[in-house]
Amino acid sequence: MRATNDEPSYPIPVGGAISEAGVSRPALPAELLASTGFLLARVGYGIKLRVIQEFEKAGFTIVQYGVLALLGEGASETQSKIADVIDCDRSQLVGELDALEEHGLIERRRDPQDRRRHMVSITADGKRELVRLRATVKRIEDAFLEPLDAPTRDALHDTLLRVACSHDGRYRRET
């Protein structure tokens, strides 16, 4: 990332066809436009970048959102299971959990079955914050997917989920 005039500039443009200076950008090569992987990566990066920016404004990280989303499903989890599910380094997770706990969004308690472990659960304030963060993600996704009608969005989601499930078991849901 490069910053100019306190505005972030990213090496991979994810915005529209007009640059900050109002000059049209050249078209991408046909080879890249023909690559599904390139398009998936570019759109995914764009969505992720916008989410990161909005979360940072609100004082949160994507990791913290992942923690709240996991705990929002109702279970108390161990710190190690949270790290495994959201694919986060355990040492980094501790700092993220500390920040969430300081804001009263989660609580940690010793596991009565194993005093070496901590069980983590979401608080009522954490549930309210999760609702706000979900709305932010939804707004950004809606903006990116605006050219698609609802059935096409559903088909895109189902297709991506099927691909994800074939490469990583964490995406599978019991039916």
N, C-alpha and C. Protein backbone atom coordinates (compact mmCIF):
# COMPACT_ATOMS: atom_id res chain seq x y z
N MET A 1 0.85 -1.17 0.00
CA MET A 1 0.00 0.00 0.00
C MET A 1 0.89 1.23 0.00
N ARG A 2 0.54 2.21 -0.80
CA ARG A 2 1.23 3.48 -0.83
C ARG A 2 0.24 4.55 -0.40
N ALA A 3 0.68 5.50 0.39
CA ALA A 3 -0.21 6.58 0.85
C ALA A 3 0.24 7.90 0.25
N THR A 4 -0.73 8.64 -0.25
CA THR A 4 -0.47 9.99 -0.75
C THR A 4 -1.56 10.88 -0.23
N ASN A 5 -1.17 12.03 0.31
CA ASN A 5 -2.16 12.97 0.85
C ASN A 5 -3.09 12.30 1.84
N ASP A 6 -2.53 11.41 2.67
CA ASP A 6 -3.27 10.70 3.70
C ASP A 6 -4.37 9.81 3.17
N GLU A 7 -4.42 9.57 1.88
CA GLU A 7 -5.38 8.65 1.30
C GLU A 7 -4.64 7.38 0.89
N PRO A 8 -5.17 6.19 1.21
CA PRO A 8 -4.48 4.97 0.84
C PRO A 8 -4.52 4.76 -0.67
N SER A 9 -3.44 4.23 -1.20
CA SER A 9 -3.38 3.85 -2.60
C SER A 9 -2.87 2.42 -2.62
N TYR A 10 -3.52 1.54 -3.34
CA TYR A 10 -3.18 0.13 -3.30
C TYR A 10 -2.60 -0.31 -4.64
N PRO A 11 -1.62 -1.21 -4.60
CA PRO A 11 -0.94 -1.62 -5.82
C PRO A 11 -1.86 -2.33 -6.81
N ILE A 12 -2.94 -2.92 -6.34
CA ILE A 12 -3.89 -3.58 -7.23
C ILE A 12 -5.18 -2.78 -7.19
N PRO A 13 -5.47 -1.99 -8.23
CA PRO A 13 -6.68 -1.17 -8.19
C PRO A 13 -7.93 -2.03 -8.09
N VAL A 14 -8.86 -1.60 -7.26
CA VAL A 14 -10.10 -2.35 -7.08
C VAL A 14 -11.32 -1.47 -7.31
N GLY A 15 -11.10 -0.24 -7.67
CA GLY A 15 -12.21 0.69 -7.86
C GLY A 15 -12.70 0.67 -9.28
N GLY A 16 -13.30 1.77 -9.67
CA GLY A 16 -13.85 1.90 -11.01
C GLY A 16 -12.78 2.18 -12.04
N ALA A 17 -13.20 2.56 -13.25
CA ALA A 17 -12.28 2.76 -14.36
C ALA A 17 -11.61 4.13 -14.33
N ILE A 18 -12.03 5.01 -13.44
CA ILE A 18 -11.47 6.36 -13.38
C ILE A 18 -10.54 6.45 -12.17
N SER A 19 -9.33 6.93 -12.38
CA SER A 19 -8.38 7.07 -11.28
C SER A 19 -8.71 8.31 -10.46
N GLU A 20 -7.93 8.50 -9.37
CA GLU A 20 -8.16 9.65 -8.51
C GLU A 20 -8.02 10.96 -9.26
N ALA A 21 -7.14 11.00 -10.27
CA ALA A 21 -6.91 12.23 -11.02
C ALA A 21 -7.97 12.46 -12.08
N GLY A 22 -8.94 11.56 -12.18
CA GLY A 22 -10.01 11.70 -13.17
C GLY A 22 -9.63 11.22 -14.55
N VAL A 23 -8.48 10.55 -14.67
CA VAL A 23 -8.00 10.04 -15.95
C VAL A 23 -8.42 8.59 -16.08
N SER A 24 -8.91 8.23 -17.26
CA SER A 24 -9.31 6.86 -17.51
C SER A 24 -8.10 5.93 -17.45
N ARG A 25 -8.26 4.78 -16.81
CA ARG A 25 -7.19 3.80 -16.76
C ARG A 25 -7.26 2.94 -18.01
N PRO A 26 -6.12 2.43 -18.43
CA PRO A 26 -6.14 1.54 -19.60
C PRO A 26 -6.85 0.23 -19.25
N ALA A 27 -7.41 -0.40 -20.25
CA ALA A 27 -8.11 -1.67 -20.05
C ALA A 27 -7.13 -2.76 -19.66
N LEU A 28 -7.60 -3.70 -18.86
CA LEU A 28 -6.79 -4.85 -18.48
C LEU A 28 -6.59 -5.75 -19.68
N PRO A 29 -5.51 -6.51 -19.71
CA PRO A 29 -5.26 -7.43 -20.82
C PRO A 29 -6.37 -8.49 -20.92
N ALA A 30 -6.69 -8.88 -22.14
CA ALA A 30 -7.73 -9.88 -22.39
C ALA A 30 -7.43 -11.18 -21.66
N GLU A 31 -6.16 -11.54 -21.57
CA GLU A 31 -5.78 -12.78 -20.88
C GLU A 31 -6.23 -12.76 -19.42
N LEU A 32 -6.07 -11.62 -18.74
CA LEU A 32 -6.50 -11.51 -17.35
C LEU A 32 -8.02 -11.52 -17.25
N LEU A 33 -8.68 -10.84 -18.16
CA LEU A 33 -10.15 -10.81 -18.14
C LEU A 33 -10.74 -12.18 -18.43
N ALA A 34 -10.00 -13.04 -19.12
CA ALA A 34 -10.47 -14.39 -19.43
C ALA A 34 -10.21 -15.36 -18.27
N SER A 35 -9.49 -14.92 -17.26
CA SER A 35 -9.12 -15.79 -16.14
C SER A 35 -10.13 -15.65 -14.99
N THR A 36 -10.87 -16.71 -14.73
CA THR A 36 -11.82 -16.72 -13.61
C THR A 36 -11.09 -16.51 -12.29
N GLY A 37 -9.95 -17.14 -12.13
CA GLY A 37 -9.18 -16.99 -10.91
C GLY A 37 -8.75 -15.55 -10.68
N PHE A 38 -8.30 -14.88 -11.74
CA PHE A 38 -7.91 -13.48 -11.62
C PHE A 38 -9.10 -12.64 -11.20
N LEU A 39 -10.24 -12.83 -11.84
CA LEU A 39 -11.43 -12.05 -11.51
C LEU A 39 -11.89 -12.32 -10.08
N LEU A 40 -11.91 -13.58 -9.66
CA LEU A 40 -12.28 -13.91 -8.29
C LEU A 40 -11.35 -13.23 -7.29
N ALA A 41 -10.06 -13.31 -7.56
CA ALA A 41 -9.09 -12.69 -6.66
C ALA A 41 -9.27 -11.19 -6.62
N ARG A 42 -9.46 -10.56 -7.76
CA ARG A 42 -9.58 -9.10 -7.82
C ARG A 42 -10.83 -8.62 -7.09
N VAL A 43 -11.96 -9.28 -7.33
CA VAL A 43 -13.20 -8.89 -6.66
C VAL A 43 -13.11 -9.20 -5.17
N GLY A 44 -12.59 -10.38 -4.82
CA GLY A 44 -12.44 -10.74 -3.42
C GLY A 44 -11.53 -9.77 -2.68
N TYR A 45 -10.43 -9.40 -3.31
CA TYR A 45 -9.51 -8.44 -2.71
C TYR A 45 -10.21 -7.09 -2.51
N GLY A 46 -10.98 -6.68 -3.49
CA GLY A 46 -11.69 -5.40 -3.39
C GLY A 46 -12.68 -5.38 -2.24
N ILE A 47 -13.44 -6.44 -2.11
CA ILE A 47 -14.41 -6.53 -1.01
C ILE A 47 -13.68 -6.55 0.33
N LYS A 48 -12.64 -7.39 0.43
CA LYS A 48 -11.89 -7.50 1.68
C LYS A 48 -11.28 -6.16 2.06
N LEU A 49 -10.71 -5.47 1.10
CA LEU A 49 -10.08 -4.18 1.38
C LEU A 49 -11.09 -3.17 1.91
N ARG A 50 -12.26 -3.11 1.30
CA ARG A 50 -13.30 -2.18 1.77
C ARG A 50 -13.78 -2.55 3.16
N VAL A 51 -13.94 -3.84 3.42
CA VAL A 51 -14.35 -4.28 4.76
C VAL A 51 -13.29 -3.89 5.79
N ILE A 52 -12.03 -4.14 5.46
CA ILE A 52 -10.94 -3.77 6.39
C ILE A 52 -11.00 -2.27 6.68
N GLN A 53 -11.16 -1.47 5.66
CA GLN A 53 -11.20 -0.01 5.85
C GLN A 53 -12.37 0.40 6.75
N GLU A 54 -13.53 -0.16 6.51
CA GLU A 54 -14.72 0.19 7.31
C GLU A 54 -14.57 -0.32 8.75
N PHE A 55 -14.05 -1.52 8.92
CA PHE A 55 -13.83 -2.04 10.27
C PHE A 55 -12.82 -1.19 11.02
N GLU A 56 -11.74 -0.80 10.34
CA GLU A 56 -10.74 0.05 11.00
C GLU A 56 -11.35 1.36 11.48
N LYS A 57 -12.22 1.95 10.67
CA LYS A 57 -12.90 3.19 11.08
C LYS A 57 -13.72 2.96 12.35
N ALA A 58 -14.29 1.77 12.46
CA ALA A 58 -15.12 1.44 13.62
C ALA A 58 -14.29 0.88 14.78
N GLY A 59 -12.98 0.73 14.58
CA GLY A 59 -12.11 0.24 15.65
C GLY A 59 -12.03 -1.27 15.77
N PHE A 60 -12.28 -1.99 14.67
CA PHE A 60 -12.26 -3.45 14.70
C PHE A 60 -11.36 -4.00 13.61
N THR A 61 -11.06 -5.29 13.72
CA THR A 61 -10.29 -6.00 12.70
C THR A 61 -11.15 -7.13 12.13
N ILE A 62 -10.71 -7.66 11.01
CA ILE A 62 -11.41 -8.80 10.42
C ILE A 62 -11.33 -10.01 11.35
N VAL A 63 -10.22 -10.18 12.03
CA VAL A 63 -10.08 -11.30 12.98
C VAL A 63 -11.12 -11.16 14.09
N GLN A 64 -11.29 -9.97 14.61
CA GLN A 64 -12.28 -9.76 15.67
C GLN A 64 -13.69 -10.06 15.16
N TYR A 65 -13.98 -9.66 13.93
CA TYR A 65 -15.27 -9.98 13.33
C TYR A 65 -15.45 -11.50 13.24
N GLY A 66 -14.40 -12.20 12.81
CA GLY A 66 -14.47 -13.66 12.73
C GLY A 66 -14.74 -14.30 14.08
N VAL A 67 -14.10 -13.79 15.11
CA VAL A 67 -14.32 -14.30 16.47
C VAL A 67 -15.78 -14.08 16.88
N LEU A 68 -16.26 -12.86 16.69
CA LEU A 68 -17.65 -12.56 17.08
C LEU A 68 -18.64 -13.39 16.26
N ALA A 69 -18.37 -13.56 14.96
CA ALA A 69 -19.27 -14.36 14.12
C ALA A 69 -19.31 -15.81 14.60
N LEU A 70 -18.16 -16.37 14.93
CA LEU A 70 -18.11 -17.75 15.42
C LEU A 70 -18.86 -17.88 16.74
N LEU A 71 -18.56 -16.99 17.67
CA LEU A 71 -19.22 -17.05 18.98
C LEU A 71 -20.70 -16.69 18.88
N GLY A 72 -21.04 -15.88 17.88
CA GLY A 72 -22.44 -15.50 17.68
C GLY A 72 -23.33 -16.66 17.30
N GLU A 73 -22.73 -17.77 16.89
CA GLU A 73 -23.52 -18.96 16.56
C GLU A 73 -23.94 -19.71 17.81
N GLY A 74 -23.55 -19.19 18.99
CA GLY A 74 -24.10 -19.71 20.22
C GLY A 74 -23.20 -20.54 21.09
N ALA A 75 -22.06 -20.94 20.59
CA ALA A 75 -21.22 -21.83 21.39
C ALA A 75 -20.14 -21.04 22.11
N SER A 76 -19.75 -21.53 23.27
CA SER A 76 -18.53 -21.09 23.92
C SER A 76 -17.43 -21.96 23.34
N GLU A 77 -16.33 -21.36 23.00
CA GLU A 77 -15.25 -22.10 22.36
C GLU A 77 -13.95 -21.88 23.11
N THR A 78 -13.04 -22.82 22.98
CA THR A 78 -11.71 -22.62 23.52
C THR A 78 -10.94 -21.68 22.59
N GLN A 79 -9.93 -21.03 23.16
CA GLN A 79 -9.12 -20.12 22.35
C GLN A 79 -8.45 -20.88 21.21
N SER A 80 -7.99 -22.10 21.46
CA SER A 80 -7.32 -22.86 20.40
C SER A 80 -8.28 -23.25 19.28
N LYS A 81 -9.51 -23.58 19.63
CA LYS A 81 -10.48 -23.92 18.58
C LYS A 81 -10.82 -22.68 17.75
N ILE A 82 -10.97 -21.54 18.39
CA ILE A 82 -11.24 -20.29 17.65
C ILE A 82 -10.11 -20.05 16.67
N ALA A 83 -8.87 -20.18 17.11
CA ALA A 83 -7.72 -19.96 16.23
C ALA A 83 -7.76 -20.91 15.04
N ASP A 84 -8.08 -22.17 15.30
CA ASP A 84 -8.15 -23.15 14.22
C ASP A 84 -9.27 -22.84 13.23
N VAL A 85 -10.44 -22.49 13.73
CA VAL A 85 -11.59 -22.25 12.85
C VAL A 85 -11.37 -21.02 11.98
N ILE A 86 -10.88 -19.93 12.58
CA ILE A 86 -10.73 -18.71 11.78
C ILE A 86 -9.33 -18.60 11.15
N ASP A 87 -8.52 -19.66 11.33
CA ASP A 87 -7.20 -19.75 10.71
C ASP A 87 -6.32 -18.56 11.11
N CYS A 88 -6.19 -18.40 12.42
CA CYS A 88 -5.44 -17.28 12.99
C CYS A 88 -4.34 -17.82 13.88
N ASP A 89 -3.16 -17.23 13.81
CA ASP A 89 -2.07 -17.60 14.68
C ASP A 89 -2.52 -17.42 16.13
N ARG A 90 -2.25 -18.42 16.96
CA ARG A 90 -2.72 -18.39 18.36
C ARG A 90 -2.16 -17.20 19.14
N SER A 91 -0.92 -16.83 18.87
CA SER A 91 -0.36 -15.68 19.60
C SER A 91 -1.02 -14.38 19.17
N GLN A 92 -1.38 -14.25 17.89
CA GLN A 92 -2.10 -13.05 17.43
C GLN A 92 -3.51 -13.03 18.02
N LEU A 93 -4.14 -14.19 18.10
CA LEU A 93 -5.51 -14.26 18.60
C LEU A 93 -5.62 -13.74 20.03
N VAL A 94 -4.64 -14.00 20.85
CA VAL A 94 -4.70 -13.56 22.25
C VAL A 94 -4.89 -12.04 22.31
N GLY A 95 -4.14 -11.30 21.51
CA GLY A 95 -4.28 -9.84 21.48
C GLY A 95 -5.64 -9.40 20.99
N GLU A 96 -6.16 -10.10 19.99
CA GLU A 96 -7.49 -9.78 19.46
C GLU A 96 -8.56 -10.04 20.52
N LEU A 97 -8.42 -11.16 21.24
CA LEU A 97 -9.37 -11.47 22.31
C LEU A 97 -9.26 -10.47 23.45
N ASP A 98 -8.03 -10.06 23.77
CA ASP A 98 -7.84 -9.05 24.81
C ASP A 98 -8.61 -7.77 24.46
N ALA A 99 -8.51 -7.33 23.21
CA ALA A 99 -9.19 -6.11 22.78
C ALA A 99 -10.71 -6.28 22.86
N LEU A 100 -11.22 -7.41 22.43
CA LEU A 100 -12.66 -7.66 22.49
C LEU A 100 -13.14 -7.71 23.94
N GLU A 101 -12.34 -8.32 24.80
CA GLU A 101 -12.70 -8.42 26.21
C GLU A 101 -12.67 -7.04 26.88
N GLU A 102 -11.68 -6.22 26.54
CA GLU A 102 -11.59 -4.87 27.11
C GLU A 102 -12.82 -4.03 26.77
N HIS A 103 -13.41 -4.29 25.60
CA HIS A 103 -14.62 -3.56 25.18
C HIS A 103 -15.90 -4.24 25.64
N GLY A 104 -15.77 -5.32 26.41
CA GLY A 104 -16.95 -6.00 26.95
C GLY A 104 -17.73 -6.79 25.92
N LEU A 105 -17.07 -7.20 24.82
CA LEU A 105 -17.78 -7.90 23.75
C LEU A 105 -17.68 -9.42 23.87
N ILE A 106 -16.69 -9.88 24.61
CA ILE A 106 -16.55 -11.32 24.91
C ILE A 106 -16.16 -11.46 26.38
N GLU A 107 -16.29 -12.67 26.87
CA GLU A 107 -15.73 -12.97 28.19
C GLU A 107 -15.02 -14.30 28.12
N ARG A 108 -13.95 -14.41 28.90
CA ARG A 108 -13.17 -15.64 28.98
C ARG A 108 -13.25 -16.17 30.40
N ARG A 109 -13.45 -17.48 30.48
CA ARG A 109 -13.49 -18.17 31.77
C ARG A 109 -12.68 -19.44 31.67
N ARG A 110 -12.12 -19.83 32.78
CA ARG A 110 -11.38 -21.10 32.82
C ARG A 110 -12.35 -22.24 32.50
N ASP A 111 -11.88 -23.18 31.73
CA ASP A 111 -12.65 -24.38 31.41
C ASP A 111 -12.69 -25.25 32.66
N PRO A 112 -13.88 -25.55 33.19
CA PRO A 112 -13.94 -26.36 34.41
C PRO A 112 -13.38 -27.78 34.20
N GLN A 113 -13.35 -28.26 32.97
CA GLN A 113 -12.82 -29.60 32.68
C GLN A 113 -11.29 -29.60 32.57
N ASP A 114 -10.72 -28.43 32.24
CA ASP A 114 -9.27 -28.33 32.07
C ASP A 114 -8.87 -26.89 32.38
N ARG A 115 -8.36 -26.68 33.57
CA ARG A 115 -8.05 -25.33 34.07
C ARG A 115 -6.98 -24.62 33.24
N ARG A 116 -6.27 -25.34 32.37
CA ARG A 116 -5.26 -24.69 31.52
C ARG A 116 -5.90 -23.95 30.35
N ARG A 117 -7.14 -24.29 30.03
CA ARG A 117 -7.82 -23.68 28.87
C ARG A 117 -8.79 -22.62 29.31
N HIS A 118 -9.03 -21.67 28.40
CA HIS A 118 -10.05 -20.66 28.59
C HIS A 118 -11.20 -20.92 27.61
N MET A 119 -12.41 -20.78 28.10
CA MET A 119 -13.59 -20.84 27.25
C MET A 119 -13.98 -19.39 26.96
N VAL A 120 -14.33 -19.12 25.73
CA VAL A 120 -14.65 -17.77 25.30
C VAL A 120 -16.11 -17.75 24.85
N SER A 121 -16.85 -16.73 25.29
CA SER A 121 -18.25 -16.58 24.86
C SER A 121 -18.53 -15.11 24.56
N ILE A 122 -19.53 -14.89 23.75
CA ILE A 122 -19.92 -13.54 23.35
C ILE A 122 -20.86 -12.96 24.41
N THR A 123 -20.75 -11.67 24.63
CA THR A 123 -21.64 -10.99 25.58
C THR A 123 -22.81 -10.36 24.81
N ALA A 124 -23.76 -9.81 25.55
CA ALA A 124 -24.89 -9.12 24.91
C ALA A 124 -24.38 -7.94 24.09
N ASP A 125 -23.40 -7.19 24.61
CA ASP A 125 -22.81 -6.08 23.84
C ASP A 125 -22.12 -6.61 22.59
N GLY A 126 -21.47 -7.77 22.71
CA GLY A 126 -20.82 -8.38 21.56
C GLY A 126 -21.82 -8.76 20.48
N LYS A 127 -22.98 -9.26 20.89
CA LYS A 127 -24.03 -9.60 19.92
C LYS A 127 -24.53 -8.36 19.20
N ARG A 128 -24.68 -7.25 19.93
CA ARG A 128 -25.12 -6.00 19.30
C ARG A 128 -24.07 -5.48 18.31
N GLU A 129 -22.81 -5.58 18.70
CA GLU A 129 -21.74 -5.13 17.80
C GLU A 129 -21.66 -6.01 16.58
N LEU A 130 -21.86 -7.31 16.75
CA LEU A 130 -21.85 -8.23 15.62
C LEU A 130 -22.93 -7.86 14.61
N VAL A 131 -24.09 -7.47 15.08
CA VAL A 131 -25.16 -7.03 14.17
C VAL A 131 -24.68 -5.83 13.33
N ARG A 132 -24.01 -4.87 13.97
CA ARG A 132 -23.50 -3.70 13.23
C ARG A 132 -22.43 -4.10 12.22
N LEU A 133 -21.52 -4.98 12.62
CA LEU A 133 -20.47 -5.41 11.71
C LEU A 133 -21.04 -6.20 10.53
N ARG A 134 -22.04 -7.03 10.80
CA ARG A 134 -22.70 -7.77 9.72
C ARG A 134 -23.34 -6.81 8.71
N ALA A 135 -23.95 -5.75 9.23
CA ALA A 135 -24.58 -4.77 8.35
C ALA A 135 -23.54 -4.08 7.46
N THR A 136 -22.37 -3.83 8.00
CA THR A 136 -21.29 -3.23 7.22
C THR A 136 -20.88 -4.17 6.09
N VAL A 137 -20.67 -5.43 6.41
CA VAL A 137 -20.28 -6.42 5.40
C VAL A 137 -21.37 -6.54 4.33
N LYS A 138 -22.61 -6.59 4.75
CA LYS A 138 -23.73 -6.72 3.81
C LYS A 138 -23.79 -5.52 2.87
N ARG A 139 -23.61 -4.33 3.41
CA ARG A 139 -23.64 -3.11 2.59
C ARG A 139 -22.54 -3.14 1.53
N ILE A 140 -21.34 -3.57 1.92
CA ILE A 140 -20.22 -3.63 0.98
C ILE A 140 -20.45 -4.71 -0.07
N GLU A 141 -20.90 -5.88 0.37
CA GLU A 141 -21.20 -6.95 -0.60
C GLU A 141 -22.28 -6.50 -1.57
N ASP A 142 -23.33 -5.87 -1.07
CA ASP A 142 -24.40 -5.40 -1.94
C ASP A 142 -23.88 -4.39 -2.97
N ALA A 143 -22.97 -3.53 -2.55
CA ALA A 143 -22.41 -2.54 -3.48
C ALA A 143 -21.60 -3.24 -4.58
N PHE A 144 -20.79 -4.23 -4.20
CA PHE A 144 -19.99 -4.93 -5.20
C PHE A 144 -20.85 -5.79 -6.13
N LEU A 145 -21.88 -6.39 -5.58
CA LEU A 145 -22.70 -7.32 -6.37
C LEU A 145 -23.94 -6.65 -6.97
N GLU A 146 -24.02 -5.34 -6.90
CA GLU A 146 -25.17 -4.58 -7.38
C GLU A 146 -25.57 -4.92 -8.83
N PRO A 147 -24.61 -5.21 -9.73
CA PRO A 147 -25.03 -5.53 -11.10
C PRO A 147 -25.79 -6.85 -11.24
N LEU A 148 -25.81 -7.68 -10.19
CA LEU A 148 -26.43 -9.00 -10.27
C LEU A 148 -27.80 -9.00 -9.62
N ASP A 149 -28.76 -9.70 -10.24
CA ASP A 149 -30.06 -9.85 -9.60
C ASP A 149 -29.96 -10.93 -8.52
N ALA A 150 -31.01 -11.05 -7.71
CA ALA A 150 -30.98 -11.96 -6.56
C ALA A 150 -30.71 -13.42 -6.95
N PRO A 151 -31.37 -13.97 -7.98
CA PRO A 151 -31.07 -15.37 -8.32
C PRO A 151 -29.61 -15.57 -8.78
N THR A 152 -29.06 -14.60 -9.47
CA THR A 152 -27.67 -14.71 -9.91
C THR A 152 -26.72 -14.63 -8.72
N ARG A 153 -27.03 -13.74 -7.76
CA ARG A 153 -26.22 -13.67 -6.54
C ARG A 153 -26.26 -14.99 -5.80
N ASP A 154 -27.45 -15.57 -5.66
CA ASP A 154 -27.58 -16.86 -4.98
C ASP A 154 -26.78 -17.95 -5.69
N ALA A 155 -26.86 -17.96 -7.02
CA ALA A 155 -26.13 -18.96 -7.79
C ALA A 155 -24.62 -18.77 -7.64
N LEU A 156 -24.16 -17.52 -7.64
CA LEU A 156 -22.74 -17.24 -7.44
C LEU A 156 -22.29 -17.73 -6.07
N HIS A 157 -23.08 -17.42 -5.05
CA HIS A 157 -22.75 -17.85 -3.70
C HIS A 157 -22.69 -19.37 -3.61
N ASP A 158 -23.70 -20.04 -4.14
CA ASP A 158 -23.75 -21.51 -4.09
C ASP A 158 -22.55 -22.12 -4.81
N THR A 159 -22.18 -21.55 -5.95
CA THR A 159 -21.05 -22.06 -6.72
C THR A 159 -19.74 -21.86 -5.96
N LEU A 160 -19.55 -20.67 -5.41
CA LEU A 160 -18.32 -20.41 -4.64
C LEU A 160 -18.25 -21.30 -3.40
N LEU A 161 -19.38 -21.51 -2.74
CA LEU A 161 -19.40 -22.37 -1.56
C LEU A 161 -19.05 -23.81 -1.93
N ARG A 162 -19.55 -24.26 -3.07
CA ARG A 162 -19.24 -25.62 -3.53
C ARG A 162 -17.74 -25.77 -3.80
N VAL A 163 -17.15 -24.77 -4.43
CA VAL A 163 -15.71 -24.80 -4.70
C VAL A 163 -14.94 -24.78 -3.38
N ALA A 164 -15.33 -23.88 -2.47
CA ALA A 164 -14.65 -23.78 -1.18
C ALA A 164 -14.74 -25.09 -0.41
N CYS A 165 -15.91 -25.71 -0.40
CA CYS A 165 -16.10 -26.98 0.32
C CYS A 165 -15.19 -28.08 -0.22
N SER A 166 -14.92 -28.06 -1.52
CA SER A 166 -14.09 -29.11 -2.10
C SER A 166 -12.62 -28.96 -1.72
N HIS A 167 -12.23 -27.80 -1.18
CA HIS A 167 -10.83 -27.56 -0.82
C HIS A 167 -10.59 -27.41 0.68
N ASP A 168 -11.65 -27.19 1.45
CA ASP A 168 -11.48 -26.93 2.88
C ASP A 168 -12.75 -27.36 3.61
N GLY A 169 -12.61 -28.36 4.47
CA GLY A 169 -13.75 -28.92 5.18
C GLY A 169 -14.46 -27.94 6.10
N ARG A 170 -13.80 -26.84 6.49
CA ARG A 170 -14.45 -25.88 7.38
C ARG A 170 -15.65 -25.19 6.73
N TYR A 171 -15.76 -25.25 5.42
CA TYR A 171 -16.88 -24.60 4.73
C TYR A 171 -18.14 -25.45 4.71
N ARG A 172 -18.00 -26.75 4.98
CA ARG A 172 -19.15 -27.66 4.92
C ARG A 172 -20.09 -27.43 6.08
N ARG A 173 -21.37 -27.54 5.82
CA ARG A 173 -22.41 -27.44 6.84
C ARG A 173 -23.23 -28.71 6.84
N GLU A 174 -23.60 -29.11 8.04
CA GLU A 174 -24.48 -30.26 8.18
C GLU A 174 -25.86 -29.87 7.65
N THR A 175 -26.48 -30.77 6.89
CA THR A 175 -27.83 -30.47 6.36
C THR A 175 -28.90 -31.22 7.10
